[in-house]
Structure formats: structure tokens, C-alpha cells
Amino acid sequence: MEIRMKKSFAALAAAGIATASLLTAAPSASASAGCYATLLNTGYQSPGQSTYKANSGCRDLNVTYSDDTSSANGDAYAGYYKNASGSWTRGSRGYVYIADGYHTRGEIVLVSDLTTGREFGVASQWDGGDWVEITH
């Protein structure tokens, strides 16, 4: 009986290791989309801190966190990107009011279908110096 139990434990352990390795290799939903999140400081009615659109599965600039540092409520934000001639261009959605806090990807899109490598930033309508996390 002892030999049978050792074989059973060995088989169970092998199954557990195989299952654990499969679960570890499986990407999470956000990782499978291949998105990058970047925390940016906003400018006042013009882009503040800027970065570049990542080569990822996300085509849009999604706000996934916002913090209006001068108010407990929120602010209106607009996405900006540099066009082919190097000038800042406001996204077609214009300013969008966003309450402070966390937001799901796809809930608030500032710019759609931004090209990989394109420089972008975010502006606050009522004051600058806010923080936004852009998932792109």
C-alpha cells in the first residue's frame, strides 16, 4: 500500500507542476492585449509631459487613472499628438471630463488609432499639473 501511495503522490505532484506551469505561462487579459501604461503630468490647455506611442496591441490612448491635484472631483482632459510636420494636434474628441480615480481600458479614449512611435501628451482644461495614466 505504501508503494501505491508514493506513486499516487508522485502522479499528483507531477500533475500539479504541469498545471502550475500552464497557469504561469497563460497571459492575463491586459498582458494579452500587450498594452503599456504610462503616468504623465498634464499641461494647462497644452500637452504637458510627453512620451511615445508603444508598439503594442492597444491602438488608442486610454485614460486608466486620473488625479486632478487641485480638486477632489476631476478635470477635463484632451489628448494631443505630434503630426507629421511636428506640430501638436488636439485629438478629435477634444476635452473630456474625467472624475478622479481608476478607469477601465476602453472606458475613456482620448485619441483613437494612434500610430506607433508617435509622440503624445495630455492637457488639462482647468489647470495643469494633474496626473493621468495612459494605457497605450
C-alpha atoms as a PDB file:
ATOM      1  CA  MET A   1       0.000   0.000   0.000  1.00  0.00           C
ATOM      2  CA  GLU A   2       2.863   2.366   0.779  1.00  0.00           C
ATOM      3  CA  ILE A   3       4.266   1.978  -2.756  1.00  0.00           C
ATOM      4  CA  ARG A   4       0.864   2.740  -4.296  1.00  0.00           C
ATOM      5  CA  MET A   5       0.564   5.897  -2.152  1.00  0.00           C
ATOM      6  CA  LYS A   6       4.033   7.074  -3.180  1.00  0.00           C
ATOM      7  CA  LYS A   7       3.107   6.575  -6.855  1.00  0.00           C
ATOM      8  CA  SER A   8      -0.175   8.429  -6.308  1.00  0.00           C
ATOM      9  CA  PHE A   9       1.619  11.334  -4.607  1.00  0.00           C
ATOM     10  CA  ALA A  10       4.220  11.391  -7.378  1.00  0.00           C
ATOM     11  CA  ALA A  11       1.500  11.472 -10.058  1.00  0.00           C
ATOM     12  CA  LEU A  12      -0.418  14.154  -8.167  1.00  0.00           C
ATOM     13  CA  ALA A  13       2.741  16.261  -7.752  1.00  0.00           C
ATOM     14  CA  ALA A  14       3.560  15.927 -11.466  1.00  0.00           C
ATOM     15  CA  ALA A  15       0.024  16.980 -12.388  1.00  0.00           C
ATOM     16  CA  GLY A  16       0.260  19.948 -10.024  1.00  0.00           C
ATOM     17  CA  ILE A  17       3.573  21.082 -11.505  1.00  0.00           C
ATOM     18  CA  ALA A  18       2.221  20.757 -15.054  1.00  0.00           C
ATOM     19  CA  THR A  19      -0.899  22.747 -14.163  1.00  0.00           C
ATOM     20  CA  ALA A  20       1.116  25.440 -12.384  1.00  0.00           C
ATOM     21  CA  SER A  21       3.424  25.855 -15.353  1.00  0.00           C
ATOM     22  CA  LEU A  22       0.439  26.201 -17.701  1.00  0.00           C
ATOM     23  CA  LEU A  23      -1.161  28.814 -15.477  1.00  0.00           C
ATOM     24  CA  THR A  24       2.088  30.736 -15.184  1.00  0.00           C
ATOM     25  CA  ALA A  25       2.542  30.772 -18.954  1.00  0.00           C
ATOM     26  CA  ALA A  26      -1.016  31.992 -19.613  1.00  0.00           C
ATOM     27  CA  PRO A  27      -1.033  35.790 -20.003  1.00  0.00           C
ATOM     28  CA  SER A  28      -3.535  37.946 -18.181  1.00  0.00           C
ATOM     29  CA  ALA A  29      -6.203  39.801 -20.165  1.00  0.00           C
ATOM     30  CA  SER A  30      -4.289  43.082 -20.164  1.00  0.00           C
ATOM     31  CA  ALA A  31      -0.977  41.415 -20.924  1.00  0.00           C
ATOM     32  CA  SER A  32      -2.512  39.514 -23.840  1.00  0.00           C
ATOM     33  CA  ALA A  33      -3.565  42.835 -25.328  1.00  0.00           C
ATOM     34  CA  GLY A  34       0.069  43.914 -24.987  1.00  0.00           C
ATOM     35  CA  CYS A  35      -0.724  47.367 -23.626  1.00  0.00           C
ATOM     36  CA  TYR A  36       1.695  49.723 -21.893  1.00  0.00           C
ATOM     37  CA  ALA A  37       0.715  52.136 -19.117  1.00  0.00           C
ATOM     38  CA  THR A  38       2.490  55.481 -18.733  1.00  0.00           C
ATOM     39  CA  LEU A  39       1.905  58.028 -15.962  1.00  0.00           C
ATOM     40  CA  LEU A  40       2.018  61.582 -17.347  1.00  0.00           C
ATOM     41  CA  ASN A  41       1.851  65.059 -15.820  1.00  0.00           C
ATOM     42  CA  THR A  42      -0.616  67.263 -17.699  1.00  0.00           C
ATOM     43  CA  GLY A  43      -0.104  70.753 -19.056  1.00  0.00           C
ATOM     44  CA  TYR A  44      -2.585  73.621 -18.802  1.00  0.00           C
ATOM     45  CA  GLN A  45      -4.532  73.657 -22.095  1.00  0.00           C
ATOM     46  CA  SER A  46      -1.491  72.250 -23.883  1.00  0.00           C
ATOM     47  CA  PRO A  47       0.390  68.964 -23.641  1.00  0.00           C
ATOM     48  CA  GLY A  48       2.485  68.590 -20.526  1.00  0.00           C
ATOM     49  CA  GLN A  49       4.920  65.716 -20.156  1.00  0.00           C
ATOM     50  CA  SER A  50       5.048  63.638 -23.346  1.00  0.00           C
ATOM     51  CA  THR A  51       6.008  60.130 -24.383  1.00  0.00           C
ATOM     52  CA  TYR A  52       5.802  57.944 -27.482  1.00  0.00           C
ATOM     53  CA  LYS A  53       3.077  55.501 -28.530  1.00  0.00           C
ATOM     54  CA  ALA A  54       4.277  51.979 -27.792  1.00  0.00           C
ATOM     55  CA  ASN A  55       4.304  49.174 -30.326  1.00  0.00           C
ATOM     56  CA  SER A  56       1.500  47.238 -28.648  1.00  0.00           C
ATOM     57  CA  GLY A  57      -1.878  45.616 -29.079  1.00  0.00           C
ATOM     58  CA  CYS A  58      -3.565  48.830 -27.915  1.00  0.00           C
ATOM     59  CA  ARG A  59      -4.199  51.318 -30.693  1.00  0.00           C
ATOM     60  CA  ASP A  60      -5.854  54.018 -28.579  1.00  0.00           C
ATOM     61  CA  LEU A  61      -4.835  56.371 -25.779  1.00  0.00           C
ATOM     62  CA  ASN A  62      -6.945  55.138 -22.848  1.00  0.00           C
ATOM     63  CA  VAL A  63      -7.142  57.003 -19.539  1.00  0.00           C
ATOM     64  CA  THR A  64      -6.923  54.315 -16.843  1.00  0.00           C
ATOM     65  CA  TYR A  65      -6.216  56.640 -13.893  1.00  0.00           C
ATOM     66  CA  SER A  66      -6.650  60.362 -13.299  1.00  0.00           C
ATOM     67  CA  ASP A  67      -5.934  62.692 -10.388  1.00  0.00           C
ATOM     68  CA  ASP A  68      -6.795  66.375 -10.524  1.00  0.00           C
ATOM     69  CA  THR A  69      -4.306  67.627  -7.951  1.00  0.00           C
ATOM     70  CA  SER A  70      -6.142  70.916  -7.302  1.00  0.00           C
ATOM     71  CA  SER A  71      -9.629  69.446  -6.843  1.00  0.00           C
ATOM     72  CA  ALA A  72     -11.232  66.411  -5.277  1.00  0.00           C
ATOM     73  CA  ASN A  73     -13.536  65.919  -8.260  1.00  0.00           C
ATOM     74  CA  GLY A  74     -11.811  65.794 -11.643  1.00  0.00           C
ATOM     75  CA  ASP A  75     -10.906  67.827 -14.713  1.00  0.00           C
ATOM     76  CA  ALA A  76     -11.448  67.790 -18.448  1.00  0.00           C
ATOM     77  CA  TYR A  77      -8.549  66.264 -20.381  1.00  0.00           C
ATOM     78  CA  ALA A  78      -7.594  66.215 -24.050  1.00  0.00           C
ATOM     79  CA  GLY A  79      -5.100  64.017 -25.833  1.00  0.00           C
ATOM     80  CA  TYR A  80      -2.522  65.673 -28.072  1.00  0.00           C
ATOM     81  CA  TYR A  81      -0.132  64.120 -30.580  1.00  0.00           C
ATOM     82  CA  LYS A  82       2.556  65.482 -32.868  1.00  0.00           C
ATOM     83  CA  ASN A  83       1.517  65.439 -36.509  1.00  0.00           C
ATOM     84  CA  ALA A  84       3.802  64.657 -39.463  1.00  0.00           C
ATOM     85  CA  SER A  85       5.127  68.228 -39.553  1.00  0.00           C
ATOM     86  CA  GLY A  86       5.970  68.148 -35.817  1.00  0.00           C
ATOM     87  CA  SER A  87       3.130  70.372 -34.562  1.00  0.00           C
ATOM     88  CA  TRP A  88       0.932  69.423 -31.604  1.00  0.00           C
ATOM     89  CA  THR A  89      -2.585  68.449 -32.680  1.00  0.00           C
ATOM     90  CA  ARG A  90      -5.513  68.014 -30.295  1.00  0.00           C
ATOM     91  CA  GLY A  91      -7.386  64.724 -30.702  1.00  0.00           C
ATOM     92  CA  SER A  92     -10.827  64.886 -32.317  1.00  0.00           C
ATOM     93  CA  ARG A  93     -12.617  64.098 -29.032  1.00  0.00           C
ATOM     94  CA  GLY A  94     -11.466  67.415 -27.595  1.00  0.00           C
ATOM     95  CA  TYR A  95     -11.717  67.852 -23.832  1.00  0.00           C
ATOM     96  CA  VAL A  96     -13.474  65.050 -21.938  1.00  0.00           C
ATOM     97  CA  TYR A  97     -14.482  65.468 -18.291  1.00  0.00           C
ATOM     98  CA  ILE A  98     -12.985  62.650 -16.199  1.00  0.00           C
ATOM     99  CA  ALA A  99     -13.625  62.112 -12.492  1.00  0.00           C
ATOM    100  CA  ASP A 100     -10.625  61.300 -10.309  1.00  0.00           C
ATOM    101  CA  GLY A 101      -9.872  57.612  -9.866  1.00  0.00           C
ATOM    102  CA  TYR A 102      -9.281  54.410 -11.794  1.00  0.00           C
ATOM    103  CA  HIS A 103     -10.976  53.658 -15.107  1.00  0.00           C
ATOM    104  CA  THR A 104     -11.171  50.521 -17.246  1.00  0.00           C
ATOM    105  CA  ARG A 105      -9.345  50.325 -20.557  1.00  0.00           C
ATOM    106  CA  GLY A 106     -11.725  51.348 -23.328  1.00  0.00           C
ATOM    107  CA  GLU A 107     -13.954  53.404 -20.993  1.00  0.00           C
ATOM    108  CA  ILE A 108     -12.246  56.753 -21.746  1.00  0.00           C
ATOM    109  CA  VAL A 109     -10.371  57.084 -25.039  1.00  0.00           C
ATOM    110  CA  LEU A 110      -8.698  60.430 -25.742  1.00  0.00           C
ATOM    111  CA  VAL A 111      -7.188  59.570 -29.144  1.00  0.00           C
ATOM    112  CA  SER A 112      -8.046  56.590 -31.373  1.00  0.00           C
ATOM    113  CA  ASP A 113      -5.733  54.637 -33.670  1.00  0.00           C
ATOM    114  CA  LEU A 114      -2.526  56.462 -32.817  1.00  0.00           C
ATOM    115  CA  THR A 115       0.482  55.327 -34.857  1.00  0.00           C
ATOM    116  CA  THR A 116       3.329  53.500 -33.130  1.00  0.00           C
ATOM    117  CA  GLY A 117       6.198  55.859 -32.305  1.00  0.00           C
ATOM    118  CA  ARG A 118       4.024  58.996 -32.427  1.00  0.00           C
ATOM    119  CA  GLU A 119       4.713  61.474 -29.594  1.00  0.00           C
ATOM    120  CA  PHE A 120       1.720  62.314 -27.392  1.00  0.00           C
ATOM    121  CA  GLY A 121       0.776  64.181 -24.234  1.00  0.00           C
ATOM    122  CA  VAL A 122      -2.304  65.225 -22.264  1.00  0.00           C
ATOM    123  CA  ALA A 123      -3.695  68.673 -21.421  1.00  0.00           C
ATOM    124  CA  SER A 124      -5.943  69.704 -18.534  1.00  0.00           C
ATOM    125  CA  GLN A 125      -8.645  72.224 -19.373  1.00  0.00           C
ATOM    126  CA  TRP A 126      -8.952  73.977 -15.995  1.00  0.00           C
ATOM    127  CA  ASP A 127      -5.395  73.763 -14.638  1.00  0.00           C
ATOM    128  CA  GLY A 128      -2.158  71.880 -15.263  1.00  0.00           C
ATOM    129  CA  GLY A 129      -0.084  69.617 -13.085  1.00  0.00           C
ATOM    130  CA  ASP A 130      -2.574  66.752 -12.862  1.00  0.00           C
ATOM    131  CA  TRP A 131      -1.615  63.095 -13.208  1.00  0.00           C
ATOM    132  CA  VAL A 132      -3.085  60.725 -15.762  1.00  0.00           C
ATOM    133  CA  GLU A 133      -2.167  57.160 -16.573  1.00  0.00           C
ATOM    134  CA  ILE A 134      -2.447  56.482 -20.292  1.00  0.00           C
ATOM    135  CA  THR A 135      -2.682  52.866 -21.391  1.00  0.00           C
ATOM    136  CA  HIS A 136      -1.465  52.595 -24.986  1.00  0.00           C
END
